[in-house]
Protein backbone atom coordinates (compact mmCIF):
# COMPACT_ATOMS: atom_id res chain seq x y z
CA MET A 1 69.54 -30.04 -29.05
CA THR A 2 69.94 -31.62 -32.49
CA GLU A 3 72.78 -30.84 -34.89
CA SER A 4 70.48 -28.80 -37.15
CA THR A 5 69.04 -26.68 -34.34
CA SER A 6 72.52 -25.86 -33.03
CA PHE A 7 72.95 -23.61 -36.04
CA SER A 8 69.90 -21.55 -35.10
CA ILE A 9 70.64 -18.09 -33.69
CA LYS A 10 67.83 -18.46 -31.15
CA TYR A 11 69.98 -20.98 -29.24
CA TRP A 12 72.91 -18.55 -28.94
CA ALA A 13 73.65 -16.50 -25.84
CA GLU A 14 71.52 -13.37 -25.94
CA SER A 15 74.55 -11.06 -26.18
CA ASP A 16 75.73 -12.98 -29.27
CA ARG A 17 72.49 -12.74 -31.22
CA PRO A 18 72.74 -9.92 -33.80
CA ARG A 19 69.38 -8.28 -33.01
CA GLU A 20 69.87 -8.44 -29.25
CA LYS A 21 73.50 -7.39 -29.59
CA LEU A 22 72.41 -4.30 -31.52
CA LEU A 23 69.93 -3.40 -28.78
CA LEU A 24 72.38 -4.07 -25.96
CA LYS A 25 75.61 -2.71 -27.42
CA GLY A 26 74.59 -0.47 -30.31
CA LYS A 27 74.81 -0.83 -34.08
CA THR A 28 78.55 -0.11 -34.29
CA SER A 29 79.31 -3.22 -32.22
CA LEU A 30 78.08 -5.50 -34.99
CA SER A 31 80.25 -6.87 -37.78
CA ASP A 32 79.16 -6.58 -41.42
CA ALA A 33 78.16 -10.25 -41.31
CA GLU A 34 76.00 -9.71 -38.22
CA LEU A 35 74.25 -6.74 -39.81
CA LEU A 36 73.66 -8.79 -42.95
CA ALA A 37 72.34 -11.64 -40.79
CA ILE A 38 69.70 -9.31 -39.35
CA LEU A 39 68.56 -8.58 -42.89
CA ILE A 40 68.23 -12.21 -43.98
CA GLY A 41 66.84 -13.41 -40.64
CA SER A 42 67.81 -17.07 -41.01
CA GLY A 43 70.40 -19.29 -42.63
CA ASN A 44 70.00 -22.80 -43.95
CA ARG A 45 70.11 -26.30 -42.47
CA GLU A 46 73.90 -26.28 -42.35
CA GLU A 47 74.62 -22.64 -41.49
CA SER A 48 73.37 -19.95 -39.17
CA ALA A 49 72.40 -16.59 -40.65
CA VAL A 50 75.74 -15.15 -39.50
CA THR A 51 77.79 -17.96 -41.05
CA LEU A 52 75.85 -17.70 -44.30
CA SER A 53 76.37 -13.93 -44.26
CA GLN A 54 80.10 -14.41 -43.75
CA ARG A 55 80.20 -16.69 -46.78
CA ILE A 56 78.26 -14.18 -48.90
CA LEU A 57 80.68 -11.43 -47.88
CA GLN A 58 83.71 -13.62 -48.58
CA ALA A 59 82.39 -14.16 -52.11
CA SER A 60 82.59 -10.36 -52.48
CA GLN A 61 86.11 -10.15 -51.02
CA ASN A 62 84.52 -8.84 -47.80
CA GLU A 63 83.81 -5.54 -49.57
CA LEU A 64 80.33 -4.05 -49.29
CA GLY A 65 80.93 -2.13 -52.50
CA LEU A 66 81.33 -5.38 -54.42
CA LEU A 67 78.38 -6.96 -52.62
CA GLY A 68 76.27 -3.97 -53.65
CA LYS A 69 76.91 -4.80 -57.29
CA LYS A 70 75.38 -8.26 -57.03
CA SER A 71 71.97 -8.80 -58.55
CA VAL A 72 69.02 -10.58 -56.97
CA LYS A 73 69.72 -13.62 -59.17
CA GLU A 74 73.37 -13.74 -58.15
CA LEU A 75 72.49 -13.61 -54.45
CA MET A 76 69.93 -16.36 -54.87
CA LYS A 77 72.75 -18.75 -55.83
CA PHE A 78 73.64 -18.99 -52.14
CA LYS A 79 71.81 -21.81 -50.36
CA GLY A 80 69.32 -20.26 -47.96
CA ILE A 81 68.89 -17.02 -49.94
CA GLY A 82 65.54 -16.89 -51.68
CA GLU A 83 64.13 -14.04 -53.69
CA ALA A 84 62.75 -12.14 -50.67
CA LYS A 85 66.07 -12.27 -48.80
CA ALA A 86 68.01 -11.28 -51.92
CA ILE A 87 65.72 -8.31 -52.49
CA SER A 88 66.22 -7.23 -48.86
CA ILE A 89 70.00 -7.27 -49.31
CA VAL A 90 69.87 -5.34 -52.59
CA ALA A 91 67.46 -2.77 -51.14
CA ALA A 92 69.54 -2.24 -47.98
CA LEU A 93 72.76 -1.73 -49.90
CA GLU A 94 71.04 0.66 -52.31
CA LEU A 95 69.83 2.70 -49.33
CA GLY A 96 73.41 2.78 -48.08
CA ARG A 97 74.61 3.98 -51.47
CA ARG A 98 72.00 6.74 -51.54
CA ARG A 99 72.92 7.81 -48.02
CA ARG A 100 76.56 8.13 -49.10
CA ALA A 101 75.41 10.16 -52.08
CA GLU A 102 73.58 12.61 -49.84
CA GLU A 103 76.36 13.15 -47.33
CA PRO A 104 78.86 14.92 -49.63
CA LYS A 105 76.19 17.48 -50.51
CA LYS A 106 76.84 19.04 -47.12
CA ARG A 107 80.18 20.17 -48.55
CA VAL A 108 78.46 22.88 -50.50
CA LYS A 109 81.56 24.61 -51.85
CA ILE A 110 83.72 23.11 -54.58
CA THR A 111 87.36 23.90 -53.87
CA SER A 112 89.19 21.33 -55.99
CA SER A 113 88.79 18.34 -58.26
CA ASP A 114 88.99 16.18 -55.12
CA SER A 115 85.83 17.79 -53.78
CA VAL A 116 84.06 17.13 -57.09
CA PHE A 117 85.10 13.47 -56.86
CA ASP A 118 83.80 13.31 -53.27
CA LEU A 119 80.48 14.66 -54.52
CA MET A 120 80.11 12.46 -57.58
CA GLN A 121 81.75 9.15 -56.69
CA PRO A 122 78.87 7.94 -54.50
CA LEU A 123 76.46 8.72 -57.33
CA ILE A 124 78.22 7.18 -60.30
CA GLY A 125 81.50 5.59 -59.19
CA ASP A 126 80.39 1.97 -59.01
CA LEU A 127 77.64 1.84 -61.63
CA GLY A 128 77.68 -0.80 -64.34
CA HIS A 129 76.57 1.66 -67.02
CA GLU A 130 77.57 5.19 -68.01
CA GLU A 131 75.82 8.25 -66.67
CA PHE A 132 76.57 11.89 -67.45
CA TRP A 133 75.99 14.47 -64.73
CA VAL A 134 76.40 18.22 -64.44
CA VAL A 135 77.20 20.15 -61.26
CA PHE A 136 75.80 23.69 -61.33
CA LEU A 137 77.69 26.30 -59.31
CA SER A 138 77.12 29.81 -58.00
CA ASN A 139 79.64 32.64 -58.34
CA SER A 140 81.27 31.47 -55.09
CA ASN A 141 81.55 27.87 -56.39
CA LYS A 142 78.76 26.65 -54.14
CA VAL A 143 76.76 23.72 -55.46
CA LEU A 144 73.33 24.82 -56.60
CA CYS A 145 72.35 21.32 -57.70
CA THR A 146 73.58 18.17 -59.39
CA PHE A 147 71.70 16.95 -62.42
CA GLN A 148 71.71 13.63 -64.25
CA LEU A 149 71.76 14.61 -67.89
CA SER A 150 71.75 11.18 -69.44
CA LYS A 151 72.04 7.49 -68.76
CA GLY A 152 73.48 5.06 -71.24
CA GLY A 153 75.05 1.67 -71.73
CA ILE A 154 78.38 0.18 -70.81
CA THR A 155 80.32 2.12 -73.44
CA GLY A 156 78.67 5.51 -73.70
CA THR A 157 75.83 7.94 -73.24
CA LEU A 158 74.32 10.77 -75.27
CA VAL A 159 74.47 14.39 -74.11
CA ASP A 160 72.08 17.18 -75.12
CA VAL A 161 74.11 20.41 -75.00
CA ARG A 162 70.98 22.57 -75.12
CA LEU A 163 69.55 20.86 -72.06
CA VAL A 164 72.75 21.53 -70.09
CA PHE A 165 72.53 25.28 -70.54
CA LYS A 166 68.74 25.43 -70.25
CA LYS A 167 69.17 23.91 -66.78
CA ALA A 168 72.10 26.24 -66.03
CA LEU A 169 69.96 29.29 -66.80
CA GLU A 170 67.09 27.95 -64.70
CA GLU A 171 69.45 27.51 -61.74
CA ASN A 172 71.15 30.88 -62.30
CA ALA A 173 74.46 29.06 -62.46
CA VAL A 174 77.58 30.99 -63.43
CA SER A 175 79.71 27.89 -63.96
CA ILE A 176 79.35 24.15 -64.37
CA ILE A 177 81.40 21.03 -63.88
CA LEU A 178 80.85 17.96 -66.03
CA ALA A 179 81.17 14.42 -64.72
CA HIS A 180 80.64 10.97 -66.12
CA ASN A 181 81.75 7.49 -65.17
CA HIS A 182 83.64 4.78 -67.00
CA PRO A 183 82.31 1.38 -65.86
CA SER A 184 85.40 -0.25 -67.36
CA GLY A 185 87.59 1.50 -64.80
CA ASN A 186 89.66 3.09 -67.59
CA LEU A 187 90.38 6.73 -66.73
CA LYS A 188 91.72 7.70 -70.16
CA PRO A 189 89.37 10.18 -71.89
CA SER A 190 88.14 9.16 -75.32
CA MET A 191 88.18 11.48 -78.30
CA ALA A 192 84.40 11.74 -77.89
CA ASP A 193 84.93 12.89 -74.27
CA LYS A 194 87.38 15.56 -75.43
CA ASN A 195 85.17 16.76 -78.28
CA LEU A 196 82.11 16.97 -76.04
CA THR A 197 84.02 18.95 -73.42
CA LEU A 198 85.19 21.44 -76.05
CA LYS A 199 81.67 21.69 -77.49
CA LEU A 200 80.16 22.45 -74.07
CA LYS A 201 82.93 24.93 -73.25
CA LYS A 202 82.32 26.87 -76.47
CA ALA A 203 78.55 26.83 -75.95
CA GLY A 204 78.99 28.16 -72.42
CA GLU A 205 81.20 31.03 -73.51
CA SER A 206 78.36 32.62 -75.47
CA LEU A 207 76.23 32.59 -72.29
CA ASP A 208 79.03 33.60 -69.89
CA ILE A 209 78.74 30.22 -68.18
CA LYS A 210 82.15 28.66 -67.60
CA VAL A 211 82.89 24.97 -67.83
CA LEU A 212 85.40 24.66 -64.99
CA ASP A 213 86.21 20.96 -65.25
CA HIS A 214 85.18 17.57 -66.55
CA LEU A 215 85.77 14.53 -64.37
CA ILE A 216 85.85 10.93 -65.47
CA VAL A 217 84.94 8.96 -62.36
CA THR A 218 85.60 5.33 -61.48
CA GLU A 219 85.10 3.47 -58.22
CA ASN A 220 88.38 4.58 -56.62
CA ALA A 221 89.88 7.28 -58.82
CA TYR A 222 89.19 10.07 -61.28
CA PHE A 223 90.62 11.98 -64.23
CA SER A 224 90.30 15.78 -64.23
CA PHE A 225 90.42 17.66 -67.52
CA ALA A 226 91.36 20.84 -65.64
CA ASN A 227 94.21 19.18 -63.75
CA GLU A 228 95.58 17.81 -67.03
CA GLY A 229 95.28 21.13 -68.88
CA LEU A 230 92.62 19.85 -71.27
CA ILE A 231 90.03 22.54 -70.59
C-alpha cells in the first residue's frame, strides 16, 4: 500500500468506513465529519474524505450553522472540494435548514414569545439578508400560516401594509404576529421598526385584527415588542 492510497477510505476496516458504518450502526453513530465525508465521497491526495471534512468543520468552529452559511465559492477553497462537492454540501445543509423550519410548525399554538421564536428562528435566524414575515393566528392563537411578506438587503426590507391585511382576511385570521430578522445580530429595534409596528397595529384595529407582537430575530436570540411594552 502506498502512502497516497493509505488515505483512501476503501482501505479502512469496514466498520470504520462512513457508508458502511451508517448501514451497520445507524446514522446517529456517525460524527458530523463522517456524515460530511459521505456527501463529498473522497478527499485529496493528502487527506481522506473524513480528515478533509474535519478540516472544513474546524474552519466553521465545528458548528453546522456556520458551515451552512458558506457559499459554493468559499467551500471550493478547500483542496479536494470542487464545484460538484461544494454544491452537494450547500444543498444538504439547506435541506437540513428546511427540515428544522418544518418541525416547529407542529407546535400549532402560540403561547408566548418563545414559541414565536421557535417557529421563526429556523426560517430567518441565520440569513444574511432581511426578511419580513407574518404569522396569522386563529381566535385560539393557533397558527393558520406563516407568510413571507418581503425580502430585502442587509439593512432593511419594504413592507406593504395592505398586503398584510389582505392575506389576514383570506386566512380568516383574528390576530397576527410580525417577525423580521437583523443579519447584523443587533436586537435593538430601529425607529423604522417601531413606526411600522404602530402603523400595522392601527391598520389592524379598523379590521378587528390584533397585532399581538413583533419579534426581531437573530441566530440565537430575539427582541419582543410585547415583552418590552412597545405594542
